[in-house]
N, C-alpha and C. Protein backbone atom coordinates (compact mmCIF):
# COMPACT_ATOMS: atom_id res chain seq x y z
N MET A 1 -152.88 22.05 -35.45
CA MET A 1 -151.51 22.12 -35.89
C MET A 1 -151.49 22.43 -37.39
N ASN A 2 -150.76 23.45 -37.75
CA ASN A 2 -150.61 23.81 -39.16
C ASN A 2 -149.32 23.23 -39.70
N PHE A 3 -149.39 22.67 -40.87
CA PHE A 3 -148.18 22.23 -41.54
C PHE A 3 -148.28 22.67 -43.00
N THR A 4 -147.12 22.84 -43.60
CA THR A 4 -147.09 23.29 -44.98
C THR A 4 -147.01 22.08 -45.89
N LYS A 5 -147.89 22.03 -46.86
CA LYS A 5 -147.81 21.01 -47.89
C LYS A 5 -146.82 21.51 -48.93
N TYR A 6 -145.83 20.70 -49.24
CA TYR A 6 -144.88 21.05 -50.29
C TYR A 6 -145.23 20.28 -51.55
N PHE A 7 -145.31 21.00 -52.66
CA PHE A 7 -145.69 20.44 -53.95
C PHE A 7 -144.47 20.15 -54.80
N THR A 8 -144.48 19.05 -55.52
CA THR A 8 -143.55 18.87 -56.63
C THR A 8 -144.18 19.62 -57.80
N PRO A 9 -143.41 19.93 -58.84
CA PRO A 9 -144.05 20.57 -60.01
C PRO A 9 -145.19 19.72 -60.58
N ASP A 10 -145.04 18.40 -60.57
CA ASP A 10 -146.09 17.53 -61.09
C ASP A 10 -147.35 17.61 -60.22
N GLU A 11 -147.18 17.59 -58.91
CA GLU A 11 -148.35 17.68 -58.01
C GLU A 11 -149.07 19.01 -58.19
N ALA A 12 -148.30 20.09 -58.28
CA ALA A 12 -148.91 21.41 -58.48
C ALA A 12 -149.65 21.46 -59.81
N SER A 13 -149.06 20.88 -60.84
CA SER A 13 -149.70 20.86 -62.17
C SER A 13 -151.01 20.09 -62.16
N LYS A 14 -151.08 19.04 -61.37
CA LYS A 14 -152.31 18.26 -61.29
C LYS A 14 -153.46 19.06 -60.67
N THR A 15 -153.15 20.02 -59.82
CA THR A 15 -154.19 20.85 -59.21
C THR A 15 -154.59 22.02 -60.12
N LEU A 16 -153.80 22.26 -61.16
CA LEU A 16 -153.98 23.47 -61.97
C LEU A 16 -155.36 23.64 -62.59
N PRO A 17 -156.01 22.60 -63.12
CA PRO A 17 -157.36 22.84 -63.67
C PRO A 17 -158.33 23.40 -62.61
N TYR A 18 -158.27 22.87 -61.41
CA TYR A 18 -159.12 23.36 -60.32
C TYR A 18 -158.71 24.77 -59.91
N VAL A 19 -157.41 24.99 -59.75
CA VAL A 19 -156.89 26.31 -59.37
C VAL A 19 -157.26 27.35 -60.41
N LYS A 20 -157.17 27.00 -61.69
CA LYS A 20 -157.52 27.94 -62.76
C LYS A 20 -158.97 28.39 -62.65
N ARG A 21 -159.87 27.45 -62.35
CA ARG A 21 -161.29 27.81 -62.23
C ARG A 21 -161.50 28.78 -61.06
N ILE A 22 -160.86 28.51 -59.95
CA ILE A 22 -161.02 29.38 -58.78
C ILE A 22 -160.46 30.77 -59.08
N VAL A 23 -159.28 30.83 -59.68
CA VAL A 23 -158.66 32.12 -60.00
C VAL A 23 -159.52 32.89 -60.99
N ARG A 24 -160.07 32.21 -61.98
CA ARG A 24 -160.97 32.87 -62.94
C ARG A 24 -162.17 33.47 -62.19
N ASP A 25 -162.72 32.72 -61.22
CA ASP A 25 -163.85 33.23 -60.43
C ASP A 25 -163.44 34.45 -59.60
N ILE A 26 -162.24 34.42 -59.04
CA ILE A 26 -161.75 35.56 -58.25
C ILE A 26 -161.64 36.79 -59.15
N ILE A 27 -161.02 36.65 -60.31
CA ILE A 27 -160.82 37.79 -61.21
C ILE A 27 -162.16 38.31 -61.72
N ASN A 28 -163.06 37.41 -62.13
CA ASN A 28 -164.37 37.85 -62.63
C ASN A 28 -165.17 38.57 -61.55
N THR A 29 -165.15 38.04 -60.33
CA THR A 29 -165.88 38.67 -59.23
C THR A 29 -165.29 40.04 -58.91
N SER A 30 -163.97 40.14 -58.91
CA SER A 30 -163.34 41.44 -58.62
C SER A 30 -163.63 42.45 -59.73
N GLU A 31 -163.69 41.99 -60.98
CA GLU A 31 -164.06 42.91 -62.08
C GLU A 31 -165.48 43.43 -61.88
N PHE A 32 -166.37 42.55 -61.44
CA PHE A 32 -167.75 42.97 -61.19
C PHE A 32 -167.81 43.99 -60.05
N ILE A 33 -167.03 43.77 -58.99
CA ILE A 33 -166.98 44.73 -57.88
C ILE A 33 -166.50 46.09 -58.40
N ARG A 34 -165.44 46.08 -59.23
CA ARG A 34 -164.92 47.35 -59.77
C ARG A 34 -165.97 48.04 -60.64
N SER A 35 -166.72 47.27 -61.41
CA SER A 35 -167.74 47.89 -62.26
C SER A 35 -168.86 48.49 -61.40
N LEU A 36 -169.23 47.82 -60.32
CA LEU A 36 -170.24 48.38 -59.41
C LEU A 36 -169.73 49.67 -58.78
N ALA A 37 -168.46 49.67 -58.41
CA ALA A 37 -167.88 50.82 -57.73
C ALA A 37 -167.85 52.06 -58.63
N THR A 38 -167.76 51.85 -59.93
CA THR A 38 -167.66 52.99 -60.84
C THR A 38 -169.01 53.44 -61.40
N GLN A 39 -170.07 52.72 -61.05
CA GLN A 39 -171.40 53.07 -61.55
C GLN A 39 -172.07 54.10 -60.65
N GLY A 40 -172.15 55.29 -61.11
CA GLY A 40 -172.94 56.33 -60.45
C GLY A 40 -172.79 56.41 -58.95
N GLU A 41 -173.88 56.80 -58.32
CA GLU A 41 -173.88 57.03 -56.87
C GLU A 41 -173.91 55.72 -56.11
N LYS A 42 -173.29 55.77 -54.96
CA LYS A 42 -173.31 54.59 -54.09
C LYS A 42 -174.58 54.63 -53.26
N ASP A 43 -175.15 53.47 -53.07
CA ASP A 43 -176.30 53.36 -52.18
C ASP A 43 -176.09 52.16 -51.27
N GLU A 44 -176.98 52.01 -50.32
CA GLU A 44 -176.84 50.95 -49.33
C GLU A 44 -176.88 49.57 -49.97
N PHE A 45 -177.76 49.39 -50.97
CA PHE A 45 -177.87 48.09 -51.64
C PHE A 45 -176.57 47.75 -52.38
N LYS A 46 -176.02 48.73 -53.10
CA LYS A 46 -174.78 48.49 -53.85
C LYS A 46 -173.64 48.16 -52.89
N ASN A 47 -173.55 48.90 -51.77
CA ASN A 47 -172.51 48.63 -50.78
C ASN A 47 -172.65 47.22 -50.21
N LEU A 48 -173.87 46.81 -49.93
CA LEU A 48 -174.12 45.47 -49.40
C LEU A 48 -173.72 44.41 -50.43
N GLU A 49 -174.08 44.65 -51.70
CA GLU A 49 -173.72 43.71 -52.76
C GLU A 49 -172.20 43.60 -52.90
N MET A 50 -171.50 44.72 -52.83
CA MET A 50 -170.05 44.70 -52.94
C MET A 50 -169.41 43.96 -51.75
N GLN A 51 -169.97 44.14 -50.55
CA GLN A 51 -169.46 43.41 -49.38
C GLN A 51 -169.68 41.91 -49.54
N THR A 52 -170.83 41.53 -50.06
CA THR A 52 -171.13 40.12 -50.28
C THR A 52 -170.16 39.52 -51.30
N LEU A 53 -169.90 40.26 -52.36
CA LEU A 53 -168.96 39.79 -53.38
C LEU A 53 -167.54 39.68 -52.82
N ALA A 54 -167.16 40.62 -51.96
CA ALA A 54 -165.83 40.56 -51.33
C ALA A 54 -165.72 39.31 -50.45
N LYS A 55 -166.79 38.96 -49.76
CA LYS A 55 -166.78 37.72 -48.96
C LYS A 55 -166.67 36.51 -49.86
N THR A 56 -167.30 36.56 -51.02
CA THR A 56 -167.19 35.47 -51.98
C THR A 56 -165.74 35.29 -52.42
N ILE A 57 -165.06 36.40 -52.70
CA ILE A 57 -163.64 36.32 -53.07
C ILE A 57 -162.83 35.70 -51.93
N ASN A 58 -163.10 36.12 -50.70
CA ASN A 58 -162.39 35.53 -49.56
C ASN A 58 -162.61 34.02 -49.48
N ASN A 59 -163.83 33.58 -49.79
CA ASN A 59 -164.11 32.13 -49.79
C ASN A 59 -163.33 31.41 -50.88
N TYR A 60 -163.20 32.04 -52.04
CA TYR A 60 -162.39 31.45 -53.11
C TYR A 60 -160.93 31.33 -52.67
N ILE A 61 -160.42 32.37 -52.02
CA ILE A 61 -159.03 32.35 -51.54
C ILE A 61 -158.85 31.24 -50.51
N LYS A 62 -159.84 31.04 -49.64
CA LYS A 62 -159.77 29.94 -48.67
C LYS A 62 -159.76 28.59 -49.37
N GLU A 63 -160.50 28.46 -50.48
CA GLU A 63 -160.48 27.22 -51.25
C GLU A 63 -159.07 26.93 -51.75
N LEU A 64 -158.39 27.95 -52.25
CA LEU A 64 -157.01 27.77 -52.71
C LEU A 64 -156.12 27.33 -51.55
N GLU A 65 -156.31 27.94 -50.39
CA GLU A 65 -155.50 27.58 -49.24
C GLU A 65 -155.77 26.15 -48.79
N GLU A 66 -157.00 25.68 -48.96
CA GLU A 66 -157.31 24.29 -48.64
C GLU A 66 -156.56 23.33 -49.56
N VAL A 67 -156.34 23.74 -50.80
CA VAL A 67 -155.55 22.94 -51.75
C VAL A 67 -154.09 22.94 -51.28
N GLY A 68 -153.66 24.02 -50.65
CA GLY A 68 -152.28 24.14 -50.17
C GLY A 68 -151.50 25.25 -50.85
N CYS A 69 -152.17 26.05 -51.68
CA CYS A 69 -151.49 27.14 -52.39
C CYS A 69 -152.06 28.48 -51.92
N TYR A 70 -151.43 29.55 -52.39
CA TYR A 70 -151.76 30.89 -51.89
C TYR A 70 -151.96 31.88 -53.02
N TYR A 71 -153.04 32.65 -52.94
CA TYR A 71 -153.33 33.69 -53.92
C TYR A 71 -152.49 34.92 -53.56
N LYS A 72 -151.79 35.47 -54.55
CA LYS A 72 -150.84 36.56 -54.28
C LYS A 72 -151.09 37.84 -55.06
N ASP A 73 -152.15 37.91 -55.82
CA ASP A 73 -152.42 39.10 -56.65
C ASP A 73 -153.46 39.97 -55.94
N TRP A 74 -153.01 40.88 -55.12
CA TRP A 74 -153.96 41.67 -54.32
C TRP A 74 -154.57 42.82 -55.10
N ASN A 75 -154.20 42.99 -56.38
CA ASN A 75 -154.91 43.91 -57.27
C ASN A 75 -156.04 43.18 -57.98
N PHE A 76 -156.03 41.86 -57.86
CA PHE A 76 -157.06 41.00 -58.46
C PHE A 76 -157.18 41.22 -59.96
N THR A 77 -156.04 41.25 -60.64
CA THR A 77 -156.07 41.48 -62.09
C THR A 77 -155.38 40.39 -62.89
N ILE A 78 -154.27 39.83 -62.38
CA ILE A 78 -153.53 38.84 -63.17
C ILE A 78 -153.63 37.42 -62.62
N GLY A 79 -154.12 37.24 -61.40
CA GLY A 79 -154.27 35.90 -60.85
C GLY A 79 -152.94 35.21 -60.63
N LEU A 80 -152.27 35.54 -59.57
CA LEU A 80 -150.97 34.99 -59.24
C LEU A 80 -151.12 34.02 -58.06
N VAL A 81 -150.59 32.79 -58.23
CA VAL A 81 -150.72 31.77 -57.20
C VAL A 81 -149.35 31.16 -56.93
N ASP A 82 -149.03 30.97 -55.63
CA ASP A 82 -147.80 30.32 -55.20
C ASP A 82 -148.11 28.96 -54.57
N PHE A 83 -147.28 27.97 -54.91
CA PHE A 83 -147.37 26.63 -54.34
C PHE A 83 -146.08 26.37 -53.57
N PRO A 84 -146.14 26.14 -52.26
CA PRO A 84 -144.92 25.86 -51.51
C PRO A 84 -144.19 24.63 -52.07
N SER A 85 -142.88 24.71 -52.10
CA SER A 85 -142.07 23.63 -52.64
C SER A 85 -140.69 23.67 -52.01
N ILE A 86 -139.89 22.70 -52.35
CA ILE A 86 -138.48 22.69 -51.97
C ILE A 86 -137.68 22.56 -53.26
N ILE A 87 -136.85 23.54 -53.53
CA ILE A 87 -135.99 23.54 -54.72
C ILE A 87 -134.56 23.76 -54.24
N ASP A 88 -133.66 22.90 -54.66
CA ASP A 88 -132.25 23.00 -54.26
C ASP A 88 -132.10 23.09 -52.74
N LYS A 89 -132.86 22.26 -52.04
CA LYS A 89 -132.82 22.13 -50.58
C LYS A 89 -133.24 23.40 -49.84
N LYS A 90 -133.96 24.28 -50.54
CA LYS A 90 -134.45 25.51 -49.91
C LYS A 90 -135.95 25.61 -50.12
N GLU A 91 -136.61 26.21 -49.13
CA GLU A 91 -138.04 26.47 -49.30
C GLU A 91 -138.21 27.47 -50.44
N ALA A 92 -139.16 27.16 -51.32
CA ALA A 92 -139.40 28.00 -52.49
C ALA A 92 -140.90 27.99 -52.78
N MET A 93 -141.29 28.79 -53.74
CA MET A 93 -142.67 28.83 -54.19
C MET A 93 -142.72 28.58 -55.69
N LEU A 94 -143.43 27.53 -56.09
CA LEU A 94 -143.73 27.35 -57.50
C LEU A 94 -144.73 28.45 -57.82
N CYS A 95 -144.52 29.14 -58.90
CA CYS A 95 -145.25 30.38 -59.15
C CYS A 95 -146.00 30.28 -60.48
N TRP A 96 -147.30 30.54 -60.44
CA TRP A 96 -148.12 30.47 -61.65
C TRP A 96 -148.96 31.73 -61.78
N ARG A 97 -149.06 32.24 -63.01
CA ARG A 97 -149.94 33.36 -63.36
C ARG A 97 -151.06 32.85 -64.23
N SER A 98 -152.21 33.46 -64.12
CA SER A 98 -153.39 32.97 -64.84
C SER A 98 -153.26 33.02 -66.36
N ASP A 99 -152.30 33.76 -66.88
CA ASP A 99 -152.11 33.79 -68.33
C ASP A 99 -151.06 32.77 -68.80
N GLU A 100 -150.60 31.91 -67.89
CA GLU A 100 -149.63 30.87 -68.22
C GLU A 100 -150.34 29.52 -68.30
N ASP A 101 -149.92 28.69 -69.26
CA ASP A 101 -150.56 27.38 -69.45
C ASP A 101 -150.13 26.35 -68.42
N GLU A 102 -148.91 26.49 -67.92
CA GLU A 102 -148.41 25.50 -66.97
C GLU A 102 -147.51 26.17 -65.94
N ILE A 103 -147.12 25.38 -64.95
CA ILE A 103 -146.26 25.89 -63.89
C ILE A 103 -144.82 25.57 -64.27
N ILE A 104 -144.06 26.61 -64.61
CA ILE A 104 -142.67 26.40 -65.00
C ILE A 104 -141.71 27.32 -64.25
N TYR A 105 -142.24 28.17 -63.38
CA TYR A 105 -141.42 29.12 -62.64
C TYR A 105 -141.49 28.88 -61.14
N TYR A 106 -140.46 29.32 -60.46
CA TYR A 106 -140.45 29.33 -59.01
C TYR A 106 -139.70 30.57 -58.55
N HIS A 107 -139.84 30.86 -57.28
CA HIS A 107 -139.02 31.91 -56.68
C HIS A 107 -138.75 31.50 -55.25
N GLU A 108 -137.65 31.98 -54.71
CA GLU A 108 -137.35 31.71 -53.31
C GLU A 108 -138.40 32.42 -52.47
N SER A 109 -138.65 31.88 -51.31
CA SER A 109 -139.73 32.40 -50.46
C SER A 109 -139.62 33.89 -50.21
N GLN A 110 -138.41 34.38 -50.02
CA GLN A 110 -138.23 35.79 -49.67
C GLN A 110 -138.18 36.72 -50.88
N SER A 111 -137.91 36.19 -52.07
CA SER A 111 -137.70 37.07 -53.22
C SER A 111 -138.99 37.48 -53.93
N GLY A 112 -140.03 36.69 -53.82
CA GLY A 112 -141.29 37.04 -54.44
C GLY A 112 -141.26 36.98 -55.95
N TYR A 113 -142.34 37.47 -56.55
CA TYR A 113 -142.55 37.38 -57.99
C TYR A 113 -141.38 37.95 -58.79
N ALA A 114 -140.79 39.03 -58.31
CA ALA A 114 -139.69 39.67 -59.04
C ALA A 114 -138.49 38.74 -59.17
N GLY A 115 -138.38 37.73 -58.31
CA GLY A 115 -137.25 36.81 -58.35
C GLY A 115 -137.55 35.51 -59.08
N ARG A 116 -138.58 35.49 -59.91
CA ARG A 116 -138.96 34.25 -60.60
C ARG A 116 -137.85 33.72 -61.51
N LYS A 117 -137.68 32.39 -61.47
CA LYS A 117 -136.72 31.70 -62.33
C LYS A 117 -137.41 30.45 -62.86
N LEU A 118 -136.87 29.90 -63.92
CA LEU A 118 -137.39 28.63 -64.44
C LEU A 118 -137.09 27.52 -63.44
N ILE A 119 -138.05 26.64 -63.24
CA ILE A 119 -137.83 25.48 -62.39
C ILE A 119 -136.76 24.63 -63.05
N PRO A 120 -135.71 24.21 -62.30
CA PRO A 120 -134.66 23.39 -62.90
C PRO A 120 -135.24 22.14 -63.58
N GLU A 121 -134.70 21.82 -64.74
CA GLU A 121 -135.22 20.73 -65.56
C GLU A 121 -135.29 19.40 -64.82
N GLU A 122 -134.33 19.13 -63.94
CA GLU A 122 -134.32 17.83 -63.25
C GLU A 122 -135.56 17.61 -62.39
N TYR A 123 -136.26 18.66 -62.03
CA TYR A 123 -137.48 18.49 -61.25
C TYR A 123 -138.65 18.03 -62.12
N PHE A 124 -138.45 18.05 -63.42
CA PHE A 124 -139.47 17.56 -64.35
C PHE A 124 -139.11 16.19 -64.93
N LEU A 125 -137.85 15.83 -64.92
CA LEU A 125 -137.41 14.58 -65.55
C LEU A 125 -137.98 13.35 -64.85
N ASN A 126 -137.95 13.34 -63.53
CA ASN A 126 -138.46 12.21 -62.77
C ASN A 126 -139.58 12.74 -61.89
N LYS A 127 -140.79 12.59 -62.36
CA LYS A 127 -141.95 13.18 -61.66
C LYS A 127 -142.14 12.60 -60.27
N GLU A 128 -141.58 11.43 -60.02
CA GLU A 128 -141.73 10.80 -58.71
C GLU A 128 -140.63 11.25 -57.76
N LYS A 129 -139.64 11.96 -58.27
CA LYS A 129 -138.50 12.37 -57.45
C LYS A 129 -138.98 13.23 -56.28
N VAL A 130 -138.47 12.92 -55.11
CA VAL A 130 -138.76 13.76 -53.96
C VAL A 130 -137.86 14.99 -54.10
N LEU A 131 -138.47 16.14 -53.94
CA LEU A 131 -137.69 17.38 -54.09
C LEU A 131 -136.63 17.45 -53.01
N ASP A 132 -135.43 17.81 -53.41
CA ASP A 132 -134.37 17.94 -52.41
C ASP A 132 -133.57 19.19 -52.63
């Protein structure tokens, strides 16, 4: 049975040091794959190494999913992660980019990154508050 873990901003922030390390590993590994891809001729060894590195990235993404969040940057350049949440009685995603120090944005589930807004202040005032 699958269920969605919903994060408060405080809960998501507590996972951030771990999430940051995983995202850094994803970005670094993808940069290495791109550098291999642009180096001269392709050979069987290089292809095998790139496939192994791609599997490593998939394992990192699974680690994020085990935490309860989702990797959303399929260009593997900025490190975008969504944390399921409930904001204003609606399902939403707390949204973090790897160049941000903390989680302060969210977007509605259907709007995606382009619909990012600041998390309402009241969700930070009482860290124990159940999101409603």
